[in-house]
ModelCIF file with pLDDT and N, C-alpha, C, O atoms, coordinates in Angstrom:
data_MODEL
#
_entry.id   MODEL 
#
_entity.id                         1 
_entity.type                       polymer 
_entity.pdbx_number_of_molecules   1 
#
_entity_poly.entity_id                      1 
_entity_poly.type                           'polypeptide(L)' 
_entity_poly.nstd_linkage                   no 
_entity_poly.nstd_monomer                   no 
_entity_poly.pdbx_seq_one_letter_code       
;(UNK)(UNK)(UNK)(UNK)(UNK)(UNK)(UNK)(UNK)(UNK)(UNK)(UNK)(UNK)(UNK)(UNK)(UNK)(UNK)
(UNK)(UNK)(UNK)(UNK)(UNK)(UNK)(UNK)(UNK)(UNK)(UNK)(UNK)(UNK)(UNK)(UNK)(UNK)(UNK)
(UNK)(UNK)(UNK)(UNK)(UNK)(UNK)(UNK)(UNK)(UNK)(UNK)(UNK)(UNK)(UNK)(UNK)(UNK)(UNK)
;
_entity_poly.pdbx_seq_one_letter_code_can   XXXXXXXXXXXXXXXXXXXXXXXXXXXXXXXXXXXXXXXXXXXXXXXX 
_entity_poly.pdbx_strand_id                 A 
#
loop_
_entity_poly_seq.entity_id 
_entity_poly_seq.num 
_entity_poly_seq.mon_id 
_entity_poly_seq.hetero 
1 1  UNK n 
1 2  UNK n 
1 3  UNK n 
1 4  UNK n 
1 5  UNK n 
1 6  UNK n 
1 7  UNK n 
1 8  UNK n 
1 9  UNK n 
1 10 UNK n 
1 11 UNK n 
1 12 UNK n 
1 13 UNK n 
1 14 UNK n 
1 15 UNK n 
1 16 UNK n 
1 17 UNK n 
1 18 UNK n 
1 19 UNK n 
1 20 UNK n 
1 21 UNK n 
1 22 UNK n 
1 23 UNK n 
1 24 UNK n 
1 25 UNK n 
1 26 UNK n 
1 27 UNK n 
1 28 UNK n 
1 29 UNK n 
1 30 UNK n 
1 31 UNK n 
1 32 UNK n 
1 33 UNK n 
1 34 UNK n 
1 35 UNK n 
1 36 UNK n 
1 37 UNK n 
1 38 UNK n 
1 39 UNK n 
1 40 UNK n 
1 41 UNK n 
1 42 UNK n 
1 43 UNK n 
1 44 UNK n 
1 45 UNK n 
1 46 UNK n 
1 47 UNK n 
1 48 UNK n 
#
_struct_asym.id          A 
_struct_asym.entity_id   1 
#
loop_
_ma_qa_metric.id 
_ma_qa_metric.mode 
_ma_qa_metric.name 
_ma_qa_metric.software_group_id 
_ma_qa_metric.type 
1 global pLDDT . pLDDT 
2 local  pLDDT . pLDDT 
#
_ma_qa_metric_global.metric_id      1 
_ma_qa_metric_global.metric_value   91.71 
_ma_qa_metric_global.model_id       1 
_ma_qa_metric_global.ordinal_id     1 
#
loop_
_ma_qa_metric_local.label_asym_id 
_ma_qa_metric_local.label_comp_id 
_ma_qa_metric_local.label_seq_id 
_ma_qa_metric_local.metric_id 
_ma_qa_metric_local.metric_value 
_ma_qa_metric_local.model_id 
_ma_qa_metric_local.ordinal_id 
A UNK 1  2 94.00 1 1  
A UNK 2  2 87.00 1 2  
A UNK 3  2 91.00 1 3  
A UNK 4  2 86.00 1 4  
A UNK 5  2 84.00 1 5  
A UNK 6  2 91.00 1 6  
A UNK 7  2 90.00 1 7  
A UNK 8  2 86.00 1 8  
A UNK 9  2 87.00 1 9  
A UNK 10 2 88.00 1 10 
A UNK 11 2 86.00 1 11 
A UNK 12 2 90.00 1 12 
A UNK 13 2 91.00 1 13 
A UNK 14 2 90.00 1 14 
A UNK 15 2 89.00 1 15 
A UNK 16 2 91.00 1 16 
A UNK 17 2 91.00 1 17 
A UNK 18 2 89.00 1 18 
A UNK 19 2 89.00 1 19 
A UNK 20 2 88.00 1 20 
A UNK 21 2 87.00 1 21 
A UNK 22 2 85.00 1 22 
A UNK 23 2 85.00 1 23 
A UNK 24 2 86.00 1 24 
A UNK 25 2 90.00 1 25 
A UNK 26 2 94.00 1 26 
A UNK 27 2 96.00 1 27 
A UNK 28 2 97.00 1 28 
A UNK 29 2 97.00 1 29 
A UNK 30 2 96.00 1 30 
A UNK 31 2 96.00 1 31 
A UNK 32 2 96.00 1 32 
A UNK 33 2 96.00 1 33 
A UNK 34 2 97.00 1 34 
A UNK 35 2 97.00 1 35 
A UNK 36 2 97.00 1 36 
A UNK 37 2 97.00 1 37 
A UNK 38 2 97.00 1 38 
A UNK 39 2 97.00 1 39 
A UNK 40 2 96.00 1 40 
A UNK 41 2 96.00 1 41 
A UNK 42 2 96.00 1 42 
A UNK 43 2 94.00 1 43 
A UNK 44 2 94.00 1 44 
A UNK 45 2 94.00 1 45 
A UNK 46 2 93.00 1 46 
A UNK 47 2 90.00 1 47 
A UNK 48 2 88.00 1 48 
#
loop_
_atom_site.group_PDB 
_atom_site.id 
_atom_site.type_symbol 
_atom_site.label_atom_id 
_atom_site.label_alt_id 
_atom_site.label_comp_id 
_atom_site.label_asym_id 
_atom_site.label_entity_id 
_atom_site.label_seq_id 
_atom_site.pdbx_PDB_ins_code 
_atom_site.Cartn_x 
_atom_site.Cartn_y 
_atom_site.Cartn_z 
_atom_site.occupancy 
_atom_site.B_iso_or_equiv 
_atom_site.pdbx_formal_charge 
_atom_site.auth_seq_id 
_atom_site.auth_comp_id 
_atom_site.auth_asym_id 
_atom_site.auth_atom_id 
_atom_site.pdbx_PDB_model_num 
ATOM 1   N N  . UNK A 1 1  ? -8.917  -0.555 5.861   1.00 94.00 ? 1  UNK A N  1 
ATOM 2   C CA . UNK A 1 1  ? -9.830  -1.476 5.204   1.00 94.00 ? 1  UNK A CA 1 
ATOM 3   C C  . UNK A 1 1  ? -11.077 -1.698 6.048   1.00 94.00 ? 1  UNK A C  1 
ATOM 4   O O  . UNK A 1 1  ? -11.007 -1.836 7.270   1.00 94.00 ? 1  UNK A O  1 
ATOM 5   N N  . UNK A 1 2  ? -12.212 -1.728 5.373   1.00 87.00 ? 2  UNK A N  1 
ATOM 6   C CA . UNK A 1 2  ? -13.502 -1.897 6.050   1.00 87.00 ? 2  UNK A CA 1 
ATOM 7   C C  . UNK A 1 2  ? -13.592 -3.218 6.799   1.00 87.00 ? 2  UNK A C  1 
ATOM 8   O O  . UNK A 1 2  ? -14.169 -3.270 7.885   1.00 87.00 ? 2  UNK A O  1 
ATOM 9   N N  . UNK A 1 3  ? -13.031 -4.288 6.238   1.00 91.00 ? 3  UNK A N  1 
ATOM 10  C CA . UNK A 1 3  ? -13.149 -5.604 6.868   1.00 91.00 ? 3  UNK A CA 1 
ATOM 11  C C  . UNK A 1 3  ? -12.504 -5.664 8.256   1.00 91.00 ? 3  UNK A C  1 
ATOM 12  O O  . UNK A 1 3  ? -12.820 -6.552 9.048   1.00 91.00 ? 3  UNK A O  1 
ATOM 13  N N  . UNK A 1 4  ? -11.609 -4.733 8.549   1.00 86.00 ? 4  UNK A N  1 
ATOM 14  C CA . UNK A 1 4  ? -10.966 -4.673 9.871   1.00 86.00 ? 4  UNK A CA 1 
ATOM 15  C C  . UNK A 1 4  ? -11.573 -3.587 10.753  1.00 86.00 ? 4  UNK A C  1 
ATOM 16  O O  . UNK A 1 4  ? -11.075 -3.333 11.849  1.00 86.00 ? 4  UNK A O  1 
ATOM 17  N N  . UNK A 1 5  ? -12.631 -2.952 10.291  1.00 84.00 ? 5  UNK A N  1 
ATOM 18  C CA . UNK A 1 5  ? -13.274 -1.893 11.053  1.00 84.00 ? 5  UNK A CA 1 
ATOM 19  C C  . UNK A 1 5  ? -12.462 -0.609 11.104  1.00 84.00 ? 5  UNK A C  1 
ATOM 20  O O  . UNK A 1 5  ? -12.596 0.186  12.034  1.00 84.00 ? 5  UNK A O  1 
ATOM 21  N N  . UNK A 1 6  ? -11.615 -0.412 10.090  1.00 91.00 ? 6  UNK A N  1 
ATOM 22  C CA . UNK A 1 6  ? -10.733 0.763  10.065  1.00 91.00 ? 6  UNK A CA 1 
ATOM 23  C C  . UNK A 1 6  ? -11.343 1.933  9.303   1.00 91.00 ? 6  UNK A C  1 
ATOM 24  O O  . UNK A 1 6  ? -10.883 3.069  9.421   1.00 91.00 ? 6  UNK A O  1 
ATOM 25  N N  . UNK A 1 7  ? -12.376 1.652  8.527   1.00 90.00 ? 7  UNK A N  1 
ATOM 26  C CA . UNK A 1 7  ? -13.067 2.691  7.770   1.00 90.00 ? 7  UNK A CA 1 
ATOM 27  C C  . UNK A 1 7  ? -14.444 2.164  7.378   1.00 90.00 ? 7  UNK A C  1 
ATOM 28  O O  . UNK A 1 7  ? -14.727 0.977  7.538   1.00 90.00 ? 7  UNK A O  1 
ATOM 29  N N  . UNK A 1 8  ? -15.287 3.035  6.872   1.00 86.00 ? 8  UNK A N  1 
ATOM 30  C CA . UNK A 1 8  ? -16.659 2.652  6.536   1.00 86.00 ? 8  UNK A CA 1 
ATOM 31  C C  . UNK A 1 8  ? -16.748 1.865  5.229   1.00 86.00 ? 8  UNK A C  1 
ATOM 32  O O  . UNK A 1 8  ? -17.712 1.133  5.005   1.00 86.00 ? 8  UNK A O  1 
ATOM 33  N N  . UNK A 1 9  ? -15.738 2.017  4.368   1.00 87.00 ? 9  UNK A N  1 
ATOM 34  C CA . UNK A 1 9  ? -15.689 1.278  3.106   1.00 87.00 ? 9  UNK A CA 1 
ATOM 35  C C  . UNK A 1 9  ? -14.229 1.155  2.682   1.00 87.00 ? 9  UNK A C  1 
ATOM 36  O O  . UNK A 1 9  ? -13.326 1.490  3.448   1.00 87.00 ? 9  UNK A O  1 
ATOM 37  N N  . UNK A 1 10 ? -14.004 0.679  1.477   1.00 88.00 ? 10 UNK A N  1 
ATOM 38  C CA . UNK A 1 10 ? -12.623 0.467  1.016   1.00 88.00 ? 10 UNK A CA 1 
ATOM 39  C C  . UNK A 1 10 ? -12.143 1.525  0.024   1.00 88.00 ? 10 UNK A C  1 
ATOM 40  O O  . UNK A 1 10 ? -11.335 1.236  -0.858  1.00 88.00 ? 10 UNK A O  1 
ATOM 41  N N  . UNK A 1 11 ? -12.644 2.751  0.174   1.00 86.00 ? 11 UNK A N  1 
ATOM 42  C CA . UNK A 1 11 ? -12.223 3.790  -0.769  1.00 86.00 ? 11 UNK A CA 1 
ATOM 43  C C  . UNK A 1 11 ? -10.715 4.047  -0.701  1.00 86.00 ? 11 UNK A C  1 
ATOM 44  O O  . UNK A 1 11 ? -10.113 4.412  -1.711  1.00 86.00 ? 11 UNK A O  1 
ATOM 45  N N  . UNK A 1 12 ? -10.091 3.863  0.475   1.00 90.00 ? 12 UNK A N  1 
ATOM 46  C CA . UNK A 1 12 ? -8.642  4.069  0.557   1.00 90.00 ? 12 UNK A CA 1 
ATOM 47  C C  . UNK A 1 12 ? -7.896  3.014  -0.255  1.00 90.00 ? 12 UNK A C  1 
ATOM 48  O O  . UNK A 1 12 ? -6.903  3.327  -0.911  1.00 90.00 ? 12 UNK A O  1 
ATOM 49  N N  . UNK A 1 13 ? -8.360  1.784  -0.215  1.00 91.00 ? 13 UNK A N  1 
ATOM 50  C CA . UNK A 1 13 ? -7.738  0.712  -0.999  1.00 91.00 ? 13 UNK A CA 1 
ATOM 51  C C  . UNK A 1 13 ? -7.827  1.057  -2.483  1.00 91.00 ? 13 UNK A C  1 
ATOM 52  O O  . UNK A 1 13 ? -6.836  0.967  -3.208  1.00 91.00 ? 13 UNK A O  1 
ATOM 53  N N  . UNK A 1 14 ? -9.001  1.446  -2.922  1.00 90.00 ? 14 UNK A N  1 
ATOM 54  C CA . UNK A 1 14 ? -9.204  1.780  -4.334  1.00 90.00 ? 14 UNK A CA 1 
ATOM 55  C C  . UNK A 1 14 ? -8.344  2.972  -4.752  1.00 90.00 ? 14 UNK A C  1 
ATOM 56  O O  . UNK A 1 14 ? -7.758  2.967  -5.835  1.00 90.00 ? 14 UNK A O  1 
ATOM 57  N N  . UNK A 1 15 ? -8.270  3.986  -3.899  1.00 89.00 ? 15 UNK A N  1 
ATOM 58  C CA . UNK A 1 15 ? -7.483  5.174  -4.214  1.00 89.00 ? 15 UNK A CA 1 
ATOM 59  C C  . UNK A 1 15 ? -5.997  4.834  -4.290  1.00 89.00 ? 15 UNK A C  1 
ATOM 60  O O  . UNK A 1 15 ? -5.304  5.263  -5.213  1.00 89.00 ? 15 UNK A O  1 
ATOM 61  N N  . UNK A 1 16 ? -5.513  4.071  -3.328  1.00 91.00 ? 16 UNK A N  1 
ATOM 62  C CA . UNK A 1 16 ? -4.092  3.683  -3.302  1.00 91.00 ? 16 UNK A CA 1 
ATOM 63  C C  . UNK A 1 16 ? -3.754  2.829  -4.526  1.00 91.00 ? 16 UNK A C  1 
ATOM 64  O O  . UNK A 1 16 ? -2.702  3.013  -5.138  1.00 91.00 ? 16 UNK A O  1 
ATOM 65  N N  . UNK A 1 17 ? -4.637  1.901  -4.884  1.00 91.00 ? 17 UNK A N  1 
ATOM 66  C CA . UNK A 1 17 ? -4.400  1.078  -6.085  1.00 91.00 ? 17 UNK A CA 1 
ATOM 67  C C  . UNK A 1 17 ? -4.281  1.967  -7.320  1.00 91.00 ? 17 UNK A C  1 
ATOM 68  O O  . UNK A 1 17 ? -3.401  1.767  -8.157  1.00 91.00 ? 17 UNK A O  1 
ATOM 69  N N  . UNK A 1 18 ? -5.167  2.942  -7.424  1.00 89.00 ? 18 UNK A N  1 
ATOM 70  C CA . UNK A 1 18 ? -5.164  3.859  -8.565  1.00 89.00 ? 18 UNK A CA 1 
ATOM 71  C C  . UNK A 1 18 ? -3.871  4.675  -8.629  1.00 89.00 ? 18 UNK A C  1 
ATOM 72  O O  . UNK A 1 18 ? -3.233  4.751  -9.680  1.00 89.00 ? 18 UNK A O  1 
ATOM 73  N N  . UNK A 1 19 ? -3.495  5.272  -7.527  1.00 89.00 ? 19 UNK A N  1 
ATOM 74  C CA . UNK A 1 19 ? -2.279  6.098  -7.485  1.00 89.00 ? 19 UNK A CA 1 
ATOM 75  C C  . UNK A 1 19 ? -1.050  5.242  -7.775  1.00 89.00 ? 19 UNK A C  1 
ATOM 76  O O  . UNK A 1 19 ? -0.160  5.652  -8.520  1.00 89.00 ? 19 UNK A O  1 
ATOM 77  N N  . UNK A 1 20 ? -1.009  4.061  -7.185  1.00 88.00 ? 20 UNK A N  1 
ATOM 78  C CA . UNK A 1 20 ? 0.128   3.175  -7.384  1.00 88.00 ? 20 UNK A CA 1 
ATOM 79  C C  . UNK A 1 20 ? 0.281   2.779  -8.851  1.00 88.00 ? 20 UNK A C  1 
ATOM 80  O O  . UNK A 1 20 ? 1.388   2.794  -9.390  1.00 88.00 ? 20 UNK A O  1 
ATOM 81  N N  . UNK A 1 21 ? -0.821  2.428  -9.488  1.00 87.00 ? 21 UNK A N  1 
ATOM 82  C CA . UNK A 1 21 ? -0.768  2.003  -10.893 1.00 87.00 ? 21 UNK A CA 1 
ATOM 83  C C  . UNK A 1 21 ? -0.468  3.164  -11.832 1.00 87.00 ? 21 UNK A C  1 
ATOM 84  O O  . UNK A 1 21 ? 0.328   3.025  -12.760 1.00 87.00 ? 21 UNK A O  1 
ATOM 85  N N  . UNK A 1 22 ? -1.097  4.300  -11.595 1.00 85.00 ? 22 UNK A N  1 
ATOM 86  C CA . UNK A 1 22 ? -0.946  5.436  -12.512 1.00 85.00 ? 22 UNK A CA 1 
ATOM 87  C C  . UNK A 1 22 ? 0.348   6.207  -12.314 1.00 85.00 ? 22 UNK A C  1 
ATOM 88  O O  . UNK A 1 22 ? 0.982   6.631  -13.281 1.00 85.00 ? 22 UNK A O  1 
ATOM 89  N N  . UNK A 1 23 ? 0.737   6.387  -11.059 1.00 85.00 ? 23 UNK A N  1 
ATOM 90  C CA . UNK A 1 23 ? 1.883   7.242  -10.778 1.00 85.00 ? 23 UNK A CA 1 
ATOM 91  C C  . UNK A 1 23 ? 3.137   6.468  -10.390 1.00 85.00 ? 23 UNK A C  1 
ATOM 92  O O  . UNK A 1 23 ? 4.247   6.874  -10.733 1.00 85.00 ? 23 UNK A O  1 
ATOM 93  N N  . UNK A 1 24 ? 2.970   5.367  -9.686  1.00 86.00 ? 24 UNK A N  1 
ATOM 94  C CA . UNK A 1 24 ? 4.129   4.584  -9.264  1.00 86.00 ? 24 UNK A CA 1 
ATOM 95  C C  . UNK A 1 24 ? 5.028   5.296  -8.269  1.00 86.00 ? 24 UNK A C  1 
ATOM 96  O O  . UNK A 1 24 ? 6.221   5.002  -8.191  1.00 86.00 ? 24 UNK A O  1 
ATOM 97  N N  . UNK A 1 25 ? 4.472   6.229  -7.510  1.00 90.00 ? 25 UNK A N  1 
ATOM 98  C CA . UNK A 1 25 ? 5.286   7.052  -6.604  1.00 90.00 ? 25 UNK A CA 1 
ATOM 99  C C  . UNK A 1 25 ? 5.102   6.697  -5.133  1.00 90.00 ? 25 UNK A C  1 
ATOM 100 O O  . UNK A 1 25 ? 5.630   7.383  -4.258  1.00 90.00 ? 25 UNK A O  1 
ATOM 101 N N  . UNK A 1 26 ? 4.358   5.632  -4.858  1.00 94.00 ? 26 UNK A N  1 
ATOM 102 C CA . UNK A 1 26 ? 4.144   5.196  -3.480  1.00 94.00 ? 26 UNK A CA 1 
ATOM 103 C C  . UNK A 1 26 ? 4.424   3.696  -3.403  1.00 94.00 ? 26 UNK A C  1 
ATOM 104 O O  . UNK A 1 26 ? 4.435   3.000  -4.419  1.00 94.00 ? 26 UNK A O  1 
ATOM 105 N N  . UNK A 1 27 ? 4.647   3.215  -2.194  1.00 96.00 ? 27 UNK A N  1 
ATOM 106 C CA . UNK A 1 27 ? 4.805   1.783  -1.961  1.00 96.00 ? 27 UNK A CA 1 
ATOM 107 C C  . UNK A 1 27 ? 3.552   1.321  -1.233  1.00 96.00 ? 27 UNK A C  1 
ATOM 108 O O  . UNK A 1 27 ? 3.425   1.543  -0.029  1.00 96.00 ? 27 UNK A O  1 
ATOM 109 N N  . UNK A 1 28 ? 2.617   0.677  -1.946  1.00 97.00 ? 28 UNK A N  1 
ATOM 110 C CA . UNK A 1 28 ? 1.378   0.243  -1.299  1.00 97.00 ? 28 UNK A CA 1 
ATOM 111 C C  . UNK A 1 28 ? 1.575   -1.051 -0.514  1.00 97.00 ? 28 UNK A C  1 
ATOM 112 O O  . UNK A 1 28 ? 2.311   -1.944 -0.934  1.00 97.00 ? 28 UNK A O  1 
ATOM 113 N N  . UNK A 1 29 ? 0.904   -1.135 0.635   1.00 97.00 ? 29 UNK A N  1 
ATOM 114 C CA . UNK A 1 29 ? 0.918   -2.356 1.446   1.00 97.00 ? 29 UNK A CA 1 
ATOM 115 C C  . UNK A 1 29 ? -0.541  -2.653 1.799   1.00 97.00 ? 29 UNK A C  1 
ATOM 116 O O  . UNK A 1 29 ? -1.138  -1.968 2.630   1.00 97.00 ? 29 UNK A O  1 
ATOM 117 N N  . UNK A 1 30 ? -1.102  -3.673 1.166   1.00 96.00 ? 30 UNK A N  1 
ATOM 118 C CA . UNK A 1 30 ? -2.492  -4.044 1.407   1.00 96.00 ? 30 UNK A CA 1 
ATOM 119 C C  . UNK A 1 30 ? -2.599  -5.115 2.489   1.00 96.00 ? 30 UNK A C  1 
ATOM 120 O O  . UNK A 1 30 ? -3.528  -5.105 3.297   1.00 96.00 ? 30 UNK A O  1 
ATOM 121 N N  . UNK A 1 31 ? -1.647  -6.030 2.497   1.00 96.00 ? 31 UNK A N  1 
ATOM 122 C CA . UNK A 1 31 ? -1.597  -7.099 3.492   1.00 96.00 ? 31 UNK A CA 1 
ATOM 123 C C  . UNK A 1 31 ? -0.552  -6.706 4.530   1.00 96.00 ? 31 UNK A C  1 
ATOM 124 O O  . UNK A 1 31 ? 0.613   -6.513 4.185   1.00 96.00 ? 31 UNK A O  1 
ATOM 125 N N  . UNK A 1 32 ? -0.944  -6.587 5.776   1.00 96.00 ? 32 UNK A N  1 
ATOM 126 C CA . UNK A 1 32 ? -0.038  -6.099 6.828   1.00 96.00 ? 32 UNK A CA 1 
ATOM 127 C C  . UNK A 1 32 ? 1.200   -6.980 6.962   1.00 96.00 ? 32 UNK A C  1 
ATOM 128 O O  . UNK A 1 32 ? 2.235   -6.522 7.447   1.00 96.00 ? 32 UNK A O  1 
ATOM 129 N N  . UNK A 1 33 ? 1.107   -8.241 6.538   1.00 96.00 ? 33 UNK A N  1 
ATOM 130 C CA . UNK A 1 33 ? 2.268   -9.135 6.577   1.00 96.00 ? 33 UNK A CA 1 
ATOM 131 C C  . UNK A 1 33 ? 3.367   -8.662 5.619   1.00 96.00 ? 33 UNK A C  1 
ATOM 132 O O  . UNK A 1 33 ? 4.528   -9.039 5.781   1.00 96.00 ? 33 UNK A O  1 
ATOM 133 N N  . UNK A 1 34 ? 3.012   -7.841 4.625   1.00 97.00 ? 34 UNK A N  1 
ATOM 134 C CA . UNK A 1 34 ? 3.984   -7.315 3.668   1.00 97.00 ? 34 UNK A CA 1 
ATOM 135 C C  . UNK A 1 34 ? 4.687   -6.050 4.162   1.00 97.00 ? 34 UNK A C  1 
ATOM 136 O O  . UNK A 1 34 ? 5.607   -5.554 3.513   1.00 97.00 ? 34 UNK A O  1 
ATOM 137 N N  . UNK A 1 35 ? 4.254   -5.535 5.304   1.00 97.00 ? 35 UNK A N  1 
ATOM 138 C CA . UNK A 1 35 ? 4.848   -4.303 5.828   1.00 97.00 ? 35 UNK A CA 1 
ATOM 139 C C  . UNK A 1 35 ? 6.328   -4.486 6.147   1.00 97.00 ? 35 UNK A C  1 
ATOM 140 O O  . UNK A 1 35 ? 7.142   -3.604 5.874   1.00 97.00 ? 35 UNK A O  1 
ATOM 141 N N  . UNK A 1 36 ? 6.669   -5.627 6.720   1.00 97.00 ? 36 UNK A N  1 
ATOM 142 C CA . UNK A 1 36 ? 8.072   -5.902 7.065   1.00 97.00 ? 36 UNK A CA 1 
ATOM 143 C C  . UNK A 1 36 ? 8.954   -5.758 5.832   1.00 97.00 ? 36 UNK A C  1 
ATOM 144 O O  . UNK A 1 36 ? 9.982   -5.082 5.888   1.00 97.00 ? 36 UNK A O  1 
ATOM 145 N N  . UNK A 1 37 ? 8.573   -6.378 4.724   1.00 97.00 ? 37 UNK A N  1 
ATOM 146 C CA . UNK A 1 37 ? 9.357   -6.293 3.497   1.00 97.00 ? 37 UNK A CA 1 
ATOM 147 C C  . UNK A 1 37 ? 9.474   -4.851 3.018   1.00 97.00 ? 37 UNK A C  1 
ATOM 148 O O  . UNK A 1 37 ? 10.557  -4.407 2.637   1.00 97.00 ? 37 UNK A O  1 
ATOM 149 N N  . UNK A 1 38 ? 8.358   -4.117 3.038   1.00 97.00 ? 38 UNK A N  1 
ATOM 150 C CA . UNK A 1 38 ? 8.370   -2.736 2.559   1.00 97.00 ? 38 UNK A CA 1 
ATOM 151 C C  . UNK A 1 38 ? 9.327   -1.863 3.359   1.00 97.00 ? 38 UNK A C  1 
ATOM 152 O O  . UNK A 1 38 ? 10.000  -0.997 2.800   1.00 97.00 ? 38 UNK A O  1 
ATOM 153 N N  . UNK A 1 39 ? 9.386   -2.091 4.677   1.00 97.00 ? 39 UNK A N  1 
ATOM 154 C CA . UNK A 1 39 ? 10.251  -1.268 5.531   1.00 97.00 ? 39 UNK A CA 1 
ATOM 155 C C  . UNK A 1 39 ? 11.700  -1.762 5.485   1.00 97.00 ? 39 UNK A C  1 
ATOM 156 O O  . UNK A 1 39 ? 12.626  -0.969 5.309   1.00 97.00 ? 39 UNK A O  1 
ATOM 157 N N  . UNK A 1 40 ? 11.886  -3.052 5.641   1.00 96.00 ? 40 UNK A N  1 
ATOM 158 C CA . UNK A 1 40 ? 13.248  -3.599 5.698   1.00 96.00 ? 40 UNK A CA 1 
ATOM 159 C C  . UNK A 1 40 ? 13.980  -3.521 4.363   1.00 96.00 ? 40 UNK A C  1 
ATOM 160 O O  . UNK A 1 40 ? 15.211  -3.489 4.334   1.00 96.00 ? 40 UNK A O  1 
ATOM 161 N N  . UNK A 1 41 ? 13.240  -3.489 3.266   1.00 96.00 ? 41 UNK A N  1 
ATOM 162 C CA . UNK A 1 41 ? 13.855  -3.415 1.938   1.00 96.00 ? 41 UNK A CA 1 
ATOM 163 C C  . UNK A 1 41 ? 13.529  -2.102 1.230   1.00 96.00 ? 41 UNK A C  1 
ATOM 164 O O  . UNK A 1 41 ? 13.561  -2.015 0.003   1.00 96.00 ? 41 UNK A O  1 
ATOM 165 N N  . UNK A 1 42 ? 13.215  -1.089 2.026   1.00 96.00 ? 42 UNK A N  1 
ATOM 166 C CA . UNK A 1 42 ? 12.773  0.200  1.495   1.00 96.00 ? 42 UNK A CA 1 
ATOM 167 C C  . UNK A 1 42 ? 13.739  0.774  0.453   1.00 96.00 ? 42 UNK A C  1 
ATOM 168 O O  . UNK A 1 42 ? 13.317  1.149  -0.640  1.00 96.00 ? 42 UNK A O  1 
ATOM 169 N N  . UNK A 1 43 ? 15.022  0.843  0.784   1.00 94.00 ? 43 UNK A N  1 
ATOM 170 C CA . UNK A 1 43 ? 15.991  1.459  -0.122  1.00 94.00 ? 43 UNK A CA 1 
ATOM 171 C C  . UNK A 1 43 ? 16.073  0.714  -1.450  1.00 94.00 ? 43 UNK A C  1 
ATOM 172 O O  . UNK A 1 43 ? 16.173  1.333  -2.510  1.00 94.00 ? 43 UNK A O  1 
ATOM 173 N N  . UNK A 1 44 ? 16.030  -0.606 -1.390  1.00 94.00 ? 44 UNK A N  1 
ATOM 174 C CA . UNK A 1 44 ? 16.063  -1.408 -2.617  1.00 94.00 ? 44 UNK A CA 1 
ATOM 175 C C  . UNK A 1 44 ? 14.803  -1.185 -3.441  1.00 94.00 ? 44 UNK A C  1 
ATOM 176 O O  . UNK A 1 44 ? 14.869  -1.040 -4.662  1.00 94.00 ? 44 UNK A O  1 
ATOM 177 N N  . UNK A 1 45 ? 13.660  -1.158 -2.773  1.00 94.00 ? 45 UNK A N  1 
ATOM 178 C CA . UNK A 1 45 ? 12.384  -0.963 -3.475  1.00 94.00 ? 45 UNK A CA 1 
ATOM 179 C C  . UNK A 1 45 ? 12.365  0.376  -4.200  1.00 94.00 ? 45 UNK A C  1 
ATOM 180 O O  . UNK A 1 45 ? 12.015  0.436  -5.379  1.00 94.00 ? 45 UNK A O  1 
ATOM 181 N N  . UNK A 1 46 ? 12.740  1.457  -3.505  1.00 93.00 ? 46 UNK A N  1 
ATOM 182 C CA . UNK A 1 46 ? 12.664  2.767  -4.171  1.00 93.00 ? 46 UNK A CA 1 
ATOM 183 C C  . UNK A 1 46 ? 13.708  2.907  -5.279  1.00 93.00 ? 46 UNK A C  1 
ATOM 184 O O  . UNK A 1 46 ? 13.506  3.667  -6.226  1.00 93.00 ? 46 UNK A O  1 
ATOM 185 N N  . UNK A 1 47 ? 14.820  2.181  -5.168  1.00 90.00 ? 47 UNK A N  1 
ATOM 186 C CA . UNK A 1 47 ? 15.835  2.269  -6.227  1.00 90.00 ? 47 UNK A CA 1 
ATOM 187 C C  . UNK A 1 47 ? 15.385  1.578  -7.507  1.00 90.00 ? 47 UNK A C  1 
ATOM 188 O O  . UNK A 1 47 ? 15.923  1.845  -8.582  1.00 90.00 ? 47 UNK A O  1 
ATOM 189 N N  . UNK A 1 48 ? 14.401  0.691  -7.397  1.00 88.00 ? 48 UNK A N  1 
ATOM 190 C CA . UNK A 1 48 ? 13.924  -0.025 -8.583  1.00 88.00 ? 48 UNK A CA 1 
ATOM 191 C C  . UNK A 1 48 ? 12.625  0.561  -9.140  1.00 88.00 ? 48 UNK A C  1 
ATOM 192 O O  . UNK A 1 48 ? 12.102  0.064  -10.138 1.00 88.00 ? 48 UNK A O  1 
#
């Protein structure tokens, strides 16, 4: 994300949102505080 100085703009955010909505084949994490849930509950998330 650009706001953290990680890239020049937010094209990765936009691309990930698009892929997530259209394909549903990835687990997006926009807020780093949500990373714990994504990793610790990975098996449950992918099963649903």
